[in-house]
Amino acid sequence: MAKIKQSLTNGTHTPLHKRTSQGGSRAKTSSMNKSFKHSFKKYRGQGR
């Protein structure tokens, strides 16, 4: 099989942060299921 030549002008891939509940600073609710959305607290701390 022939090797595919990668062009340098195409640019490099920049990874996007997935914003999960474990590693993200602020979790996104669009990727959660219903039970996780229901129990999700936007602000964990004192007050509010």
N, C-alpha and C. Protein backbone atom coordinates (compact mmCIF):
# COMPACT_ATOMS: atom_id res chain seq x y z
N MET A 1 0.82 -1.20 0.00
CA MET A 1 0.00 0.00 0.00
C MET A 1 0.86 1.26 0.00
N ALA A 2 0.39 2.24 -0.71
CA ALA A 2 1.13 3.49 -0.77
C ALA A 2 0.86 4.33 0.46
N LYS A 3 1.89 5.03 0.89
CA LYS A 3 1.72 5.90 2.06
C LYS A 3 1.07 7.21 1.64
N ILE A 4 0.23 7.75 2.51
CA ILE A 4 -0.43 9.04 2.24
C ILE A 4 0.50 10.16 2.68
N LYS A 5 0.72 11.10 1.78
CA LYS A 5 1.60 12.21 2.06
C LYS A 5 0.82 13.29 2.80
N GLN A 6 1.32 13.70 3.97
CA GLN A 6 0.65 14.75 4.73
C GLN A 6 1.22 16.09 4.31
N SER A 7 0.32 17.01 4.04
CA SER A 7 0.78 18.34 3.64
C SER A 7 0.98 19.20 4.88
N LEU A 8 2.02 19.99 4.88
CA LEU A 8 2.32 20.86 6.00
C LEU A 8 1.51 22.14 5.97
N THR A 9 0.94 22.47 4.81
CA THR A 9 0.17 23.70 4.69
C THR A 9 -1.23 23.55 5.29
N ASN A 10 -1.66 22.31 5.54
CA ASN A 10 -3.00 22.06 6.05
C ASN A 10 -3.16 22.55 7.49
N GLY A 11 -2.10 22.63 8.25
CA GLY A 11 -2.15 23.07 9.64
C GLY A 11 -2.25 21.89 10.58
N THR A 12 -2.05 22.16 11.84
CA THR A 12 -2.09 21.10 12.84
C THR A 12 -3.45 21.06 13.50
N HIS A 13 -3.78 19.92 14.03
CA HIS A 13 -5.06 19.73 14.70
C HIS A 13 -4.99 20.35 16.10
N THR A 14 -5.93 21.22 16.42
CA THR A 14 -5.97 21.80 17.76
C THR A 14 -7.09 21.13 18.53
N PRO A 15 -6.78 20.39 19.60
CA PRO A 15 -7.80 19.66 20.34
C PRO A 15 -8.70 20.61 21.13
N LEU A 16 -9.98 20.32 21.15
CA LEU A 16 -10.94 21.11 21.92
C LEU A 16 -11.20 20.43 23.25
N HIS A 17 -11.43 21.23 24.28
CA HIS A 17 -11.72 20.68 25.60
C HIS A 17 -13.16 20.19 25.63
N LYS A 18 -13.37 18.97 26.11
CA LYS A 18 -14.69 18.34 26.00
C LYS A 18 -15.68 18.78 27.07
N ARG A 19 -15.20 19.43 28.12
CA ARG A 19 -16.04 19.94 29.21
C ARG A 19 -16.87 18.85 29.88
N THR A 20 -16.20 17.78 30.28
CA THR A 20 -16.88 16.71 31.00
C THR A 20 -17.03 17.10 32.46
N SER A 21 -17.86 16.35 33.18
CA SER A 21 -18.09 16.67 34.59
C SER A 21 -16.87 16.35 35.45
N GLN A 22 -16.02 15.42 34.99
CA GLN A 22 -14.85 15.07 35.78
C GLN A 22 -13.70 16.05 35.57
N GLY A 23 -13.40 16.39 34.34
CA GLY A 23 -12.21 17.18 34.08
C GLY A 23 -12.46 18.61 33.70
N GLY A 24 -13.68 18.97 33.36
CA GLY A 24 -13.95 20.31 32.88
C GLY A 24 -14.16 21.29 34.00
N SER A 25 -13.86 22.55 33.72
CA SER A 25 -14.09 23.57 34.72
C SER A 25 -15.59 23.80 34.87
N ARG A 26 -16.30 23.74 33.77
CA ARG A 26 -17.75 23.86 33.80
C ARG A 26 -18.33 22.80 32.87
N ALA A 27 -19.07 21.88 33.43
CA ALA A 27 -19.56 20.74 32.64
C ALA A 27 -20.67 21.18 31.70
N LYS A 28 -20.72 20.57 30.52
CA LYS A 28 -21.79 20.90 29.59
C LYS A 28 -22.93 19.91 29.76
N THR A 29 -24.14 20.41 29.76
CA THR A 29 -25.29 19.57 30.04
C THR A 29 -25.83 18.90 28.79
N SER A 30 -25.38 19.33 27.62
CA SER A 30 -25.91 18.75 26.38
C SER A 30 -25.45 17.31 26.17
N SER A 31 -24.32 16.95 26.79
CA SER A 31 -23.84 15.58 26.63
C SER A 31 -24.24 14.67 27.79
N MET A 32 -24.98 15.22 28.76
CA MET A 32 -25.41 14.41 29.91
C MET A 32 -26.72 13.69 29.60
N ASN A 33 -26.99 12.61 30.34
CA ASN A 33 -28.30 11.99 30.21
C ASN A 33 -29.28 12.66 31.18
N LYS A 34 -30.54 12.24 31.15
CA LYS A 34 -31.59 12.95 31.90
C LYS A 34 -31.35 12.95 33.39
N SER A 35 -30.91 11.82 33.93
CA SER A 35 -30.73 11.76 35.38
C SER A 35 -29.56 12.62 35.84
N PHE A 36 -28.51 12.70 35.03
CA PHE A 36 -27.39 13.55 35.39
C PHE A 36 -27.78 15.02 35.32
N LYS A 37 -28.57 15.40 34.30
CA LYS A 37 -29.03 16.77 34.19
C LYS A 37 -29.90 17.17 35.37
N HIS A 38 -30.74 16.23 35.80
CA HIS A 38 -31.67 16.49 36.89
C HIS A 38 -30.93 16.77 38.20
N SER A 39 -29.86 16.03 38.45
CA SER A 39 -29.15 16.17 39.72
C SER A 39 -27.96 17.13 39.63
N PHE A 40 -27.74 17.76 38.48
CA PHE A 40 -26.57 18.62 38.28
C PHE A 40 -26.76 19.95 38.99
N LYS A 41 -25.76 20.34 39.79
CA LYS A 41 -25.77 21.64 40.44
C LYS A 41 -24.78 22.55 39.72
N LYS A 42 -25.23 23.71 39.26
CA LYS A 42 -24.34 24.63 38.55
C LYS A 42 -23.28 25.19 39.47
N TYR A 43 -23.67 25.46 40.71
CA TYR A 43 -22.75 26.11 41.64
C TYR A 43 -22.62 25.25 42.88
N ARG A 44 -21.42 24.72 43.12
CA ARG A 44 -21.17 23.96 44.34
C ARG A 44 -20.35 24.81 45.27
N GLY A 45 -20.95 25.28 46.33
CA GLY A 45 -20.23 26.11 47.27
C GLY A 45 -21.20 26.79 48.21
N GLN A 46 -20.73 27.82 48.87
CA GLN A 46 -21.58 28.49 49.85
C GLN A 46 -22.51 29.47 49.16
N GLY A 47 -23.73 29.52 49.62
CA GLY A 47 -24.69 30.49 49.10
C GLY A 47 -25.36 30.07 47.82
N ARG A 48 -25.98 31.01 47.19
CA ARG A 48 -26.71 30.85 45.93
C ARG A 48 -27.80 29.81 46.04
